[in-house]
Amino acid sequence: MADNGTATKQGARTATVNLPFVTAQFRAPELHMPRAHIPNRQEIGSALRVVGSYLPSPKQTVYYGGLALMAAAELIEWPVAAAVAIGTAVAGGGEKPPNRDEKPASGRAARPSERGAKR
């Protein structure tokens, strides 16, 4: 091979450049990527439940969407819509919808006749 400054390929991952006083050889690094974890159905369901717990209820979504729509249609000014939305969120911030899956501490539901007798 002549030293005329041309690059030659020795392999798919190596290149050599011959110059008058220097020979440079470039090698591509061999990267080993970690295997990606593919979640199963249970992990996906768990992730969806966590994400769903942070989303607003459908009723709240309609309310805030209506405010945004009225502001976009210029029925109300956007600062007013923002103030109403922030005020509503702050005022109702401590509310949490009741969990229907919870049972009373005794493990059984109290009968209507027992509710009044426990006062």
PDB file of N, CA and C in Angstrom:
ATOM      1  N   MET A   1       0.856  -1.179   0.000  1.00  0.00           N
ATOM      2  CA  MET A   1       0.000   0.000   0.000  1.00  0.00           C
ATOM      3  C   MET A   1       0.894   1.232   0.000  1.00  0.00           C
ATOM      4  N   ALA A   2       0.551   2.185  -0.779  1.00  0.00           N
ATOM      5  CA  ALA A   2       1.355   3.399  -0.904  1.00  0.00           C
ATOM      6  C   ALA A   2       0.987   4.387   0.188  1.00  0.00           C
ATOM      7  N   ASP A   3       1.996   5.167   0.612  1.00  0.00           N
ATOM      8  CA  ASP A   3       1.758   6.206   1.625  1.00  0.00           C
ATOM      9  C   ASP A   3       1.319   7.484   0.938  1.00  0.00           C
ATOM     10  N   ASN A   4       0.134   7.490   0.401  1.00  0.00           N
ATOM     11  CA  ASN A   4      -0.342   8.669  -0.306  1.00  0.00           C
ATOM     12  C   ASN A   4      -1.459   9.396   0.443  1.00  0.00           C
ATOM     13  N   GLY A   5      -1.707   9.063   1.686  1.00  0.00           N
ATOM     14  CA  GLY A   5      -2.696   9.761   2.483  1.00  0.00           C
ATOM     15  C   GLY A   5      -4.105   9.242   2.296  1.00  0.00           C
ATOM     16  N   THR A   6      -4.284   8.078   1.722  1.00  0.00           N
ATOM     17  CA  THR A   6      -5.625   7.535   1.528  1.00  0.00           C
ATOM     18  C   THR A   6      -5.995   6.661   2.705  1.00  0.00           C
ATOM     19  N   ALA A   7      -7.267   6.598   2.954  1.00  0.00           N
ATOM     20  CA  ALA A   7      -7.775   5.767   4.039  1.00  0.00           C
ATOM     21  C   ALA A   7      -8.163   4.415   3.471  1.00  0.00           C
ATOM     22  N   THR A   8      -7.833   3.366   4.190  1.00  0.00           N
ATOM     23  CA  THR A   8      -8.196   2.025   3.759  1.00  0.00           C
ATOM     24  C   THR A   8      -8.951   1.342   4.866  1.00  0.00           C
ATOM     25  N   LYS A   9      -9.815   0.450   4.475  1.00  0.00           N
ATOM     26  CA  LYS A   9     -10.583  -0.306   5.468  1.00  0.00           C
ATOM     27  C   LYS A   9      -9.932  -1.660   5.637  1.00  0.00           C
ATOM     28  N   GLN A  10      -9.578  -1.994   6.882  1.00  0.00           N
ATOM     29  CA  GLN A  10      -9.047  -3.324   7.169  1.00  0.00           C
ATOM     30  C   GLN A  10     -10.142  -4.259   7.627  1.00  0.00           C
ATOM     31  N   GLY A  11     -11.123  -3.731   8.273  1.00  0.00           N
ATOM     32  CA  GLY A  11     -12.243  -4.520   8.767  1.00  0.00           C
ATOM     33  C   GLY A  11     -13.457  -3.626   8.840  1.00  0.00           C
ATOM     34  N   ALA A  12     -14.543  -4.180   9.230  1.00  0.00           N
ATOM     35  CA  ALA A  12     -15.767  -3.399   9.295  1.00  0.00           C
ATOM     36  C   ALA A  12     -15.704  -2.353  10.407  1.00  0.00           C
ATOM     37  N   ARG A  13     -14.822  -2.557  11.407  1.00  0.00           N
ATOM     38  CA  ARG A  13     -14.783  -1.650  12.548  1.00  0.00           C
ATOM     39  C   ARG A  13     -13.437  -0.942  12.697  1.00  0.00           C
ATOM     40  N   THR A  14     -12.556  -1.025  11.672  1.00  0.00           N
ATOM     41  CA  THR A  14     -11.236  -0.413  11.759  1.00  0.00           C
ATOM     42  C   THR A  14     -10.931   0.338  10.468  1.00  0.00           C
ATOM     43  N   ALA A  15     -10.314   1.502  10.600  1.00  0.00           N
ATOM     44  CA  ALA A  15      -9.870   2.268   9.434  1.00  0.00           C
ATOM     45  C   ALA A  15      -8.445   2.731   9.685  1.00  0.00           C
ATOM     46  N   THR A  16      -7.586   2.657   8.649  1.00  0.00           N
ATOM     47  CA  THR A  16      -6.199   3.078   8.769  1.00  0.00           C
ATOM     48  C   THR A  16      -5.938   4.199   7.776  1.00  0.00           C
ATOM     49  N   VAL A  17      -5.277   5.244   8.244  1.00  0.00           N
ATOM     50  CA  VAL A  17      -4.904   6.365   7.394  1.00  0.00           C
ATOM     51  C   VAL A  17      -3.374   6.436   7.401  1.00  0.00           C
ATOM     52  N   ASN A  18      -2.769   6.300   6.199  1.00  0.00           N
ATOM     53  CA  ASN A  18      -1.309   6.372   6.071  1.00  0.00           C
ATOM     54  C   ASN A  18      -0.918   7.752   5.571  1.00  0.00           C
ATOM     55  N   LEU A  19      -0.151   8.482   6.384  1.00  0.00           N
ATOM     56  CA  LEU A  19       0.352   9.802   6.034  1.00  0.00           C
ATOM     57  C   LEU A  19       1.873   9.721   5.947  1.00  0.00           C
ATOM     58  N   PRO A  20       2.560  10.757   5.428  1.00  0.00           N
ATOM     59  CA  PRO A  20       4.021  10.659   5.253  1.00  0.00           C
ATOM     60  C   PRO A  20       4.793  10.322   6.531  1.00  0.00           C
ATOM     61  N   PHE A  21       4.485  10.917   7.660  1.00  0.00           N
ATOM     62  CA  PHE A  21       5.246  10.650   8.883  1.00  0.00           C
ATOM     63  C   PHE A  21       4.447   9.923   9.956  1.00  0.00           C
ATOM     64  N   VAL A  22       3.162   9.702   9.710  1.00  0.00           N
ATOM     65  CA  VAL A  22       2.294   9.111  10.727  1.00  0.00           C
ATOM     66  C   VAL A  22       1.332   8.133  10.061  1.00  0.00           C
ATOM     67  N   THR A  23       1.055   7.052  10.769  1.00  0.00           N
ATOM     68  CA  THR A  23      -0.001   6.135  10.367  1.00  0.00           C
ATOM     69  C   THR A  23      -1.021   6.126  11.500  1.00  0.00           C
ATOM     70  N   ALA A  24      -2.250   6.470  11.171  1.00  0.00           N
ATOM     71  CA  ALA A  24      -3.310   6.516  12.181  1.00  0.00           C
ATOM     72  C   ALA A  24      -4.278   5.371  11.932  1.00  0.00           C
ATOM     73  N   GLN A  25      -4.624   4.716  13.004  1.00  0.00           N
ATOM     74  CA  GLN A  25      -5.590   3.619  12.907  1.00  0.00           C
ATOM     75  C   GLN A  25      -6.750   3.945  13.844  1.00  0.00           C
ATOM     76  N   PHE A  26      -7.956   3.955  13.281  1.00  0.00           N
ATOM     77  CA  PHE A  26      -9.161   4.286  14.040  1.00  0.00           C
ATOM     78  C   PHE A  26      -9.994   3.031  14.204  1.00  0.00           C
ATOM     79  N   ARG A  27     -10.405   2.790  15.430  1.00  0.00           N
ATOM     80  CA  ARG A  27     -11.248   1.625  15.722  1.00  0.00           C
ATOM     81  C   ARG A  27     -12.536   2.107  16.360  1.00  0.00           C
ATOM     82  N   ALA A  28     -13.647   1.556  15.899  1.00  0.00           N
ATOM     83  CA  ALA A  28     -14.938   1.861  16.514  1.00  0.00           C
ATOM     84  C   ALA A  28     -15.034   1.095  17.833  1.00  0.00           C
ATOM     85  N   PRO A  29     -15.485   1.749  18.881  1.00  0.00           N
ATOM     86  CA  PRO A  29     -15.592   1.045  20.161  1.00  0.00           C
ATOM     87  C   PRO A  29     -16.692  -0.016  20.101  1.00  0.00           C
ATOM     88  N   GLU A  30     -16.476  -1.052  20.857  1.00  0.00           N
ATOM     89  CA  GLU A  30     -17.496  -2.089  20.957  1.00  0.00           C
ATOM     90  C   GLU A  30     -18.359  -1.779  22.169  1.00  0.00           C
ATOM     91  N   LEU A  31     -19.594  -1.423  21.899  1.00  0.00           N
ATOM     92  CA  LEU A  31     -20.518  -1.070  22.964  1.00  0.00           C
ATOM     93  C   LEU A  31     -21.394  -2.261  23.294  1.00  0.00           C
ATOM     94  N   HIS A  32     -21.525  -2.511  24.551  1.00  0.00           N
ATOM     95  CA  HIS A  32     -22.407  -3.586  25.015  1.00  0.00           C
ATOM     96  C   HIS A  32     -23.573  -2.936  25.741  1.00  0.00           C
ATOM     97  N   MET A  33     -24.714  -2.968  25.105  1.00  0.00           N
ATOM     98  CA  MET A  33     -25.907  -2.360  25.678  1.00  0.00           C
ATOM     99  C   MET A  33     -26.550  -3.338  26.664  1.00  0.00           C
ATOM    100  N   PRO A  34     -27.044  -2.808  27.785  1.00  0.00           N
ATOM    101  CA  PRO A  34     -27.739  -3.696  28.732  1.00  0.00           C
ATOM    102  C   PRO A  34     -29.067  -4.160  28.136  1.00  0.00           C
ATOM    103  N   ARG A  35     -29.499  -5.303  28.562  1.00  0.00           N
ATOM    104  CA  ARG A  35     -30.778  -5.821  28.084  1.00  0.00           C
ATOM    105  C   ARG A  35     -31.911  -5.014  28.701  1.00  0.00           C
ATOM    106  N   ALA A  36     -32.872  -4.688  27.883  1.00  0.00           N
ATOM    107  CA  ALA A  36     -34.029  -3.917  28.345  1.00  0.00           C
ATOM    108  C   ALA A  36     -34.988  -4.849  29.076  1.00  0.00           C
ATOM    109  N   HIS A  37     -35.508  -4.344  30.187  1.00  0.00           N
ATOM    110  CA  HIS A  37     -36.482  -5.109  30.961  1.00  0.00           C
ATOM    111  C   HIS A  37     -37.849  -4.912  30.338  1.00  0.00           C
ATOM    112  N   ILE A  38     -38.505  -5.987  29.993  1.00  0.00           N
ATOM    113  CA  ILE A  38     -39.852  -5.916  29.439  1.00  0.00           C
ATOM    114  C   ILE A  38     -40.830  -6.214  30.571  1.00  0.00           C
ATOM    115  N   PRO A  39     -41.671  -5.211  30.922  1.00  0.00           N
ATOM    116  CA  PRO A  39     -42.589  -5.415  32.053  1.00  0.00           C
ATOM    117  C   PRO A  39     -43.681  -6.419  31.708  1.00  0.00           C
ATOM    118  N   ASN A  40     -44.155  -7.113  32.761  1.00  0.00           N
ATOM    119  CA  ASN A  40     -45.261  -8.054  32.561  1.00  0.00           C
ATOM    120  C   ASN A  40     -46.580  -7.333  32.843  1.00  0.00           C
ATOM    121  N   ARG A  41     -47.688  -8.055  32.703  1.00  0.00           N
ATOM    122  CA  ARG A  41     -49.015  -7.435  32.873  1.00  0.00           C
ATOM    123  C   ARG A  41     -49.204  -6.856  34.271  1.00  0.00           C
ATOM    124  N   GLN A  42     -48.733  -7.544  35.278  1.00  0.00           N
ATOM    125  CA  GLN A  42     -48.924  -7.075  36.649  1.00  0.00           C
ATOM    126  C   GLN A  42     -48.184  -5.753  36.871  1.00  0.00           C
ATOM    127  N   GLU A  43     -46.965  -5.629  36.349  1.00  0.00           N
ATOM    128  CA  GLU A  43     -46.209  -4.390  36.506  1.00  0.00           C
ATOM    129  C   GLU A  43     -46.869  -3.241  35.739  1.00  0.00           C
ATOM    130  N   ILE A  44     -47.384  -3.531  34.561  1.00  0.00           N
ATOM    131  CA  ILE A  44     -48.063  -2.500  33.783  1.00  0.00           C
ATOM    132  C   ILE A  44     -49.331  -2.049  34.502  1.00  0.00           C
ATOM    133  N   GLY A  45     -50.098  -2.991  35.037  1.00  0.00           N
ATOM    134  CA  GLY A  45     -51.314  -2.650  35.775  1.00  0.00           C
ATOM    135  C   GLY A  45     -51.010  -1.816  36.999  1.00  0.00           C
ATOM    136  N   SER A  46     -49.941  -2.167  37.706  1.00  0.00           N
ATOM    137  CA  SER A  46     -49.549  -1.407  38.890  1.00  0.00           C
ATOM    138  C   SER A  46     -49.154   0.017  38.503  1.00  0.00           C
ATOM    139  N   ALA A  47     -48.404   0.165  37.422  1.00  0.00           N
ATOM    140  CA  ALA A  47     -48.000   1.502  36.971  1.00  0.00           C
ATOM    141  C   ALA A  47     -49.212   2.330  36.560  1.00  0.00           C
ATOM    142  N   LEU A  48     -50.173   1.714  35.898  1.00  0.00           N
ATOM    143  CA  LEU A  48     -51.376   2.434  35.487  1.00  0.00           C
ATOM    144  C   LEU A  48     -52.200   2.883  36.692  1.00  0.00           C
ATOM    145  N   ARG A  49     -52.259   2.048  37.745  1.00  0.00           N
ATOM    146  CA  ARG A  49     -52.989   2.452  38.948  1.00  0.00           C
ATOM    147  C   ARG A  49     -52.311   3.644  39.618  1.00  0.00           C
ATOM    148  N   VAL A  50     -50.986   3.657  39.647  1.00  0.00           N
ATOM    149  CA  VAL A  50     -50.262   4.780  40.256  1.00  0.00           C
ATOM    150  C   VAL A  50     -50.503   6.054  39.451  1.00  0.00           C
ATOM    151  N   VAL A  51     -50.404   5.953  38.136  1.00  0.00           N
ATOM    152  CA  VAL A  51     -50.637   7.130  37.291  1.00  0.00           C
ATOM    153  C   VAL A  51     -52.078   7.605  37.447  1.00  0.00           C
ATOM    154  N   GLY A  52     -53.019   6.685  37.480  1.00  0.00           N
ATOM    155  CA  GLY A  52     -54.427   7.044  37.618  1.00  0.00           C
ATOM    156  C   GLY A  52     -54.733   7.735  38.926  1.00  0.00           C
ATOM    157  N   SER A  53     -53.962   7.440  39.965  1.00  0.00           N
ATOM    158  CA  SER A  53     -54.214   8.088  41.254  1.00  0.00           C
ATOM    159  C   SER A  53     -53.838   9.570  41.220  1.00  0.00           C
ATOM    160  N   TYR A  54     -53.005   9.979  40.278  1.00  0.00           N
ATOM    161  CA  TYR A  54     -52.617  11.384  40.169  1.00  0.00           C
ATOM    162  C   TYR A  54     -53.503  12.168  39.208  1.00  0.00           C
ATOM    163  N   LEU A  55     -54.302  11.493  38.414  1.00  0.00           N
ATOM    164  CA  LEU A  55     -55.165  12.176  37.457  1.00  0.00           C
ATOM    165  C   LEU A  55     -56.426  12.684  38.144  1.00  0.00           C
ATOM    166  N   PRO A  56     -56.965  13.796  37.647  1.00  0.00           N
ATOM    167  CA  PRO A  56     -58.209  14.298  38.237  1.00  0.00           C
ATOM    168  C   PRO A  56     -59.384  13.398  37.865  1.00  0.00           C
ATOM    169  N   SER A  57     -60.454  13.509  38.638  1.00  0.00           N
ATOM    170  CA  SER A  57     -61.653  12.730  38.347  1.00  0.00           C
ATOM    171  C   SER A  57     -62.280  13.234  37.053  1.00  0.00           C
ATOM    172  N   PRO A  58     -63.138  12.435  36.429  1.00  0.00           N
ATOM    173  CA  PRO A  58     -63.797  12.909  35.199  1.00  0.00           C
ATOM    174  C   PRO A  58     -64.599  14.196  35.416  1.00  0.00           C
ATOM    175  N   LYS A  59     -65.207  14.332  36.592  1.00  0.00           N
ATOM    176  CA  LYS A  59     -65.984  15.538  36.889  1.00  0.00           C
ATOM    177  C   LYS A  59     -65.062  16.769  36.924  1.00  0.00           C
ATOM    178  N   GLN A  60     -63.900  16.634  37.565  1.00  0.00           N
ATOM    179  CA  GLN A  60     -62.951  17.743  37.617  1.00  0.00           C
ATOM    180  C   GLN A  60     -62.397  18.057  36.230  1.00  0.00           C
ATOM    181  N   THR A  61     -62.163  17.020  35.441  1.00  0.00           N
ATOM    182  CA  THR A  61     -61.642  17.226  34.089  1.00  0.00           C
ATOM    183  C   THR A  61     -62.626  18.030  33.248  1.00  0.00           C
ATOM    184  N   VAL A  62     -63.905  17.714  33.350  1.00  0.00           N
ATOM    185  CA  VAL A  62     -64.929  18.463  32.614  1.00  0.00           C
ATOM    186  C   VAL A  62     -64.988  19.906  33.112  1.00  0.00           C
ATOM    187  N   TYR A  63     -64.904  20.102  34.422  1.00  0.00           N
ATOM    188  CA  TYR A  63     -64.961  21.444  34.997  1.00  0.00           C
ATOM    189  C   TYR A  63     -63.807  22.313  34.491  1.00  0.00           C
ATOM    190  N   TYR A  64     -62.562  21.817  34.640  1.00  0.00           N
ATOM    191  CA  TYR A  64     -61.404  22.590  34.216  1.00  0.00           C
ATOM    192  C   TYR A  64     -61.360  22.729  32.692  1.00  0.00           C
ATOM    193  N   GLY A  65     -61.818  21.713  31.985  1.00  0.00           N
ATOM    194  CA  GLY A  65     -61.891  21.805  30.530  1.00  0.00           C
ATOM    195  C   GLY A  65     -62.885  22.871  30.091  1.00  0.00           C
ATOM    196  N   GLY A  66     -64.009  22.946  30.794  1.00  0.00           N
ATOM    197  CA  GLY A  66     -65.001  23.984  30.499  1.00  0.00           C
ATOM    198  C   GLY A  66     -64.451  25.379  30.750  1.00  0.00           C
ATOM    199  N   LEU A  67     -63.701  25.531  31.847  1.00  0.00           N
ATOM    200  CA  LEU A  67     -63.069  26.826  32.109  1.00  0.00           C
ATOM    201  C   LEU A  67     -62.103  27.190  30.989  1.00  0.00           C
ATOM    202  N   ALA A  68     -61.305  26.215  30.580  1.00  0.00           N
ATOM    203  CA  ALA A  68     -60.334  26.468  29.507  1.00  0.00           C
ATOM    204  C   ALA A  68     -61.039  26.801  28.196  1.00  0.00           C
ATOM    205  N   LEU A  69     -62.129  26.111  27.919  1.00  0.00           N
ATOM    206  CA  LEU A  69     -62.884  26.368  26.694  1.00  0.00           C
ATOM    207  C   LEU A  69     -63.501  27.769  26.708  1.00  0.00           C
ATOM    208  N   MET A  70     -64.050  28.158  27.858  1.00  0.00           N
ATOM    209  CA  MET A  70     -64.625  29.506  27.946  1.00  0.00           C
ATOM    210  C   MET A  70     -63.548  30.572  27.800  1.00  0.00           C
ATOM    211  N   ALA A  71     -62.363  30.329  28.352  1.00  0.00           N
ATOM    212  CA  ALA A  71     -61.269  31.290  28.208  1.00  0.00           C
ATOM    213  C   ALA A  71     -60.786  31.333  26.758  1.00  0.00           C
ATOM    214  N   ALA A  72     -60.718  30.166  26.088  1.00  0.00           N
ATOM    215  CA  ALA A  72     -60.276  30.128  24.695  1.00  0.00           C
ATOM    216  C   ALA A  72     -61.284  30.814  23.778  1.00  0.00           C
ATOM    217  N   ALA A  73     -62.567  30.683  24.083  1.00  0.00           N
ATOM    218  CA  ALA A  73     -63.615  31.324  23.283  1.00  0.00           C
ATOM    219  C   ALA A  73     -63.813  32.781  23.686  1.00  0.00           C
ATOM    220  N   GLU A  74     -63.032  33.245  24.650  1.00  0.00           N
ATOM    221  CA  GLU A  74     -63.071  34.609  25.155  1.00  0.00           C
ATOM    222  C   GLU A  74     -64.424  34.987  25.751  1.00  0.00           C
ATOM    223  N   LEU A  75     -65.125  33.995  26.310  1.00  0.00           N
ATOM    224  CA  LEU A  75     -66.339  34.294  27.066  1.00  0.00           C
ATOM    225  C   LEU A  75     -65.984  34.899  28.411  1.00  0.00           C
ATOM    226  N   ILE A  76     -64.841  34.454  28.958  1.00  0.00           N
ATOM    227  CA  ILE A  76     -64.269  35.064  30.160  1.00  0.00           C
ATOM    228  C   ILE A  76     -62.784  35.296  29.874  1.00  0.00           C
ATOM    229  N   GLU A  77     -62.198  36.233  30.559  1.00  0.00           N
ATOM    230  CA  GLU A  77     -60.774  36.514  30.373  1.00  0.00           C
ATOM    231  C   GLU A  77     -59.939  35.391  30.985  1.00  0.00           C
ATOM    232  N   TRP A  78     -58.775  35.104  30.389  1.00  0.00           N
ATOM    233  CA  TRP A  78     -57.968  33.988  30.875  1.00  0.00           C
ATOM    234  C   TRP A  78     -57.472  34.188  32.307  1.00  0.00           C
ATOM    235  N   PRO A  79     -57.165  35.437  32.769  1.00  0.00           N
ATOM    236  CA  PRO A  79     -56.761  35.559  34.181  1.00  0.00           C
ATOM    237  C   PRO A  79     -57.902  35.191  35.137  1.00  0.00           C
ATOM    238  N   VAL A  80     -59.136  35.486  34.729  1.00  0.00           N
ATOM    239  CA  VAL A  80     -60.294  35.137  35.565  1.00  0.00           C
ATOM    240  C   VAL A  80     -60.432  33.615  35.616  1.00  0.00           C
ATOM    241  N   ALA A  81     -60.303  32.961  34.466  1.00  0.00           N
ATOM    242  CA  ALA A  81     -60.394  31.498  34.426  1.00  0.00           C
ATOM    243  C   ALA A  81     -59.282  30.867  35.270  1.00  0.00           C
ATOM    244  N   ALA A  82     -58.082  31.426  35.189  1.00  0.00           N
ATOM    245  CA  ALA A  82     -56.969  30.898  35.984  1.00  0.00           C
ATOM    246  C   ALA A  82     -57.227  31.082  37.473  1.00  0.00           C
ATOM    247  N   ALA A  83     -57.750  32.254  37.848  1.00  0.00           N
ATOM    248  CA  ALA A  83     -58.038  32.512  39.261  1.00  0.00           C
ATOM    249  C   ALA A  83     -59.124  31.578  39.783  1.00  0.00           C
ATOM    250  N   VAL A  84     -60.159  31.340  38.983  1.00  0.00           N
ATOM    251  CA  VAL A  84     -61.230  30.431  39.402  1.00  0.00           C
ATOM    252  C   VAL A  84     -60.687  29.014  39.543  1.00  0.00           C
ATOM    253  N   ALA A  85     -59.868  28.576  38.577  1.00  0.00           N
ATOM    254  CA  ALA A  85     -59.313  27.220  38.633  1.00  0.00           C
ATOM    255  C   ALA A  85     -58.391  27.044  39.833  1.00  0.00           C
ATOM    256  N   ILE A  86     -57.551  28.030  40.087  1.00  0.00           N
ATOM    257  CA  ILE A  86     -56.629  27.935  41.233  1.00  0.00           C
ATOM    258  C   ILE A  86     -57.414  27.968  42.541  1.00  0.00           C
ATOM    259  N   GLY A  87     -58.389  28.850  42.628  1.00  0.00           N
ATOM    260  CA  GLY A  87     -59.210  28.919  43.839  1.00  0.00           C
ATOM    261  C   GLY A  87     -59.961  27.628  44.094  1.00  0.00           C
ATOM    262  N   THR A  88     -60.484  27.033  43.037  1.00  0.00           N
ATOM    263  CA  THR A  88     -61.195  25.758  43.183  1.00  0.00           C
ATOM    264  C   THR A  88     -60.245  24.651  43.619  1.00  0.00           C
ATOM    265  N   ALA A  89     -59.060  24.626  43.031  1.00  0.00           N
ATOM    266  CA  ALA A  89     -58.093  23.584  43.376  1.00  0.00           C
ATOM    267  C   ALA A  89     -57.615  23.727  44.820  1.00  0.00           C
ATOM    268  N   VAL A  90     -57.390  24.958  45.262  1.00  0.00           N
ATOM    269  CA  VAL A  90     -56.931  25.185  46.639  1.00  0.00           C
ATOM    270  C   VAL A  90     -58.047  24.870  47.630  1.00  0.00           C
ATOM    271  N   ALA A  91     -59.250  25.286  47.317  1.00  0.00           N
ATOM    272  CA  ALA A  91     -60.373  25.058  48.230  1.00  0.00           C
ATOM    273  C   ALA A  91     -60.711  23.575  48.346  1.00  0.00           C
ATOM    274  N   GLY A  92     -60.590  22.856  47.276  1.00  0.00           N
ATOM    275  CA  GLY A  92     -60.909  21.432  47.302  1.00  0.00           C
ATOM    276  C   GLY A  92     -59.686  20.557  47.387  1.00  0.00           C
ATOM    277  N   GLY A  93     -58.533  21.131  47.734  1.00  0.00           N
ATOM    278  CA  GLY A  93     -57.276  20.377  47.745  1.00  0.00           C
ATOM    279  C   GLY A  93     -57.228  19.262  48.767  1.00  0.00           C
ATOM    280  N   GLY A  94     -57.922  19.399  49.878  1.00  0.00           N
ATOM    281  CA  GLY A  94     -57.888  18.383  50.911  1.00  0.00           C
ATOM    282  C   GLY A  94     -58.888  17.268  50.692  1.00  0.00           C
ATOM    283  N   GLU A  95     -59.742  17.409  49.695  1.00  0.00           N
ATOM    284  CA  GLU A  95     -60.765  16.397  49.454  1.00  0.00           C
ATOM    285  C   GLU A  95     -60.153  15.171  48.806  1.00  0.00           C
ATOM    286  N   LYS A  96     -60.602  14.031  49.246  1.00  0.00           N
ATOM    287  CA  LYS A  96     -60.191  12.781  48.626  1.00  0.00           C
ATOM    288  C   LYS A  96     -61.438  11.940  48.479  1.00  0.00           C
ATOM    289  N   PRO A  97     -61.696  11.428  47.290  1.00  0.00           N
ATOM    290  CA  PRO A  97     -62.909  10.627  47.130  1.00  0.00           C
ATOM    291  C   PRO A  97     -62.848   9.390  48.003  1.00  0.00           C
ATOM    292  N   PRO A  98     -63.991   8.949  48.549  1.00  0.00           N
ATOM    293  CA  PRO A  98     -63.982   7.771  49.413  1.00  0.00           C
ATOM    294  C   PRO A  98     -63.598   6.533  48.620  1.00  0.00           C
ATOM    295  N   ASN A  99     -62.831   5.676  49.269  1.00  0.00           N
ATOM    296  CA  ASN A  99     -62.412   4.430  48.648  1.00  0.00           C
ATOM    297  C   ASN A  99     -63.500   3.393  48.888  1.00  0.00           C
ATOM    298  N   ARG A 100     -64.093   2.911  47.843  1.00  0.00           N
ATOM    299  CA  ARG A 100     -65.203   1.968  47.978  1.00  0.00           C
ATOM    300  C   ARG A 100     -64.738   0.574  48.349  1.00  0.00           C
ATOM    301  N   ASP A 101     -63.440   0.310  48.214  1.00  0.00           N
ATOM    302  CA  ASP A 101     -62.928  -1.019  48.529  1.00  0.00           C
ATOM    303  C   ASP A 101     -62.674  -1.197  50.022  1.00  0.00           C
ATOM    304  N   GLU A 102     -62.635  -0.088  50.781  1.00  0.00           N
ATOM    305  CA  GLU A 102     -62.323  -0.183  52.203  1.00  0.00           C
ATOM    306  C   GLU A 102     -63.504  -0.780  52.958  1.00  0.00           C
ATOM    307  N   LYS A 103     -63.170  -1.576  53.968  1.00  0.00           N
ATOM    308  CA  LYS A 103     -64.187  -2.165  54.835  1.00  0.00           C
ATOM    309  C   LYS A 103     -64.045  -1.543  56.213  1.00  0.00           C
ATOM    310  N   PRO A 104     -65.073  -1.592  57.023  1.00  0.00           N
ATOM    311  CA  PRO A 104     -64.945  -1.081  58.393  1.00  0.00           C
ATOM    312  C   PRO A 104     -63.855  -1.854  59.145  1.00  0.00           C
ATOM    313  N   ALA A 105     -63.365  -1.251  60.215  1.00  0.00           N
ATOM    314  CA  ALA A 105     -62.256  -1.838  60.968  1.00  0.00           C
ATOM    315  C   ALA A 105     -62.575  -3.236  61.490  1.00  0.00           C
ATOM    316  N   SER A 106     -63.838  -3.530  61.790  1.00  0.00           N
ATOM    317  CA  SER A 106     -64.194  -4.834  62.323  1.00  0.00           C
ATOM    318  C   SER A 106     -64.182  -5.912  61.248  1.00  0.00           C
ATOM    319  N   GLY A 107     -64.121  -5.516  59.986  1.00  0.00           N
ATOM    320  CA  GLY A 107     -64.085  -6.488  58.906  1.00  0.00           C
ATOM    321  C   GLY A 107     -65.453  -6.824  58.356  1.00  0.00           C
ATOM    322  N   ARG A 108     -66.513  -6.296  58.949  1.00  0.00           N
ATOM    323  CA  ARG A 108     -67.860  -6.544  58.432  1.00  0.00           C
ATOM    324  C   ARG A 108     -68.612  -5.222  58.420  1.00  0.00           C
ATOM    325  N   ALA A 109     -69.568  -5.144  57.557  1.00  0.00           N
ATOM    326  CA  ALA A 109     -70.359  -3.916  57.454  1.00  0.00           C
ATOM    327  C   ALA A 109     -71.344  -3.847  58.610  1.00  0.00           C
ATOM    328  N   ALA A 110     -71.511  -2.652  59.150  1.00  0.00           N
ATOM    329  CA  ALA A 110     -72.463  -2.456  60.239  1.00  0.00           C
ATOM    330  C   ALA A 110     -73.876  -2.408  59.678  1.00  0.00           C
ATOM    331  N   ARG A 111     -74.788  -3.064  60.350  1.00  0.00           N
ATOM    332  CA  ARG A 111     -76.194  -3.038  59.940  1.00  0.00           C
ATOM    333  C   ARG A 111     -76.811  -1.695  60.334  1.00  0.00           C
ATOM    334  N   PRO A 112     -77.850  -1.284  59.633  1.00  0.00           N
ATOM    335  CA  PRO A 112     -78.465   0.014  59.964  1.00  0.00           C
ATOM    336  C   PRO A 112     -78.907   0.099  61.418  1.00  0.00           C
ATOM    337  N   SER A 113     -79.368  -1.007  62.011  1.00  0.00           N
ATOM    338  CA  SER A 113     -79.815  -0.952  63.401  1.00  0.00           C
ATOM    339  C   SER A 113     -78.636  -0.772  64.348  1.00  0.00           C
ATOM    340  N   GLU A 114     -77.425  -1.239  63.964  1.00  0.00           N
ATOM    341  CA  GLU A 114     -76.248  -1.096  64.814  1.00  0.00           C
ATOM    342  C   GLU A 114     -75.655   0.307  64.752  1.00  0.00           C
ATOM    343  N   ARG A 115     -75.858   1.003  63.652  1.00  0.00           N
ATOM    344  CA  ARG A 115     -75.270   2.338  63.491  1.00  0.00           C
ATOM    345  C   ARG A 115     -75.831   3.305  64.526  1.00  0.00           C
ATOM    346  N   GLY A 116     -77.116   3.275  64.731  1.00  0.00           N
ATOM    347  CA  GLY A 116     -77.726   4.195  65.686  1.00  0.00           C
ATOM    348  C   GLY A 116     -77.435   3.805  67.136  1.00  0.00           C
ATOM    349  N   ALA A 117     -77.190   2.523  67.402  1.00  0.00           N
ATOM    350  CA  ALA A 117     -76.995   2.062  68.768  1.00  0.00           C
ATOM    351  C   ALA A 117     -75.609   2.360  69.290  1.00  0.00           C
ATOM    352  N   LYS A 118     -74.663   2.703  68.437  1.00  0.00           N
ATOM    353  CA  LYS A 118     -73.292   2.899  68.874  1.00  0.00           C
ATOM    354  C   LYS A 118     -73.012   4.333  69.318  1.00  0.00           C
ATOM    355  N   ARG A 119     -73.980   5.165  69.458  1.00  0.00           N
ATOM    356  CA  ARG A 119     -73.748   6.566  69.840  1.00  0.00           C
ATOM    357  C   ARG A 119     -73.402   6.720  71.240  1.00  0.00           C
TER     358      ARG A 119
END
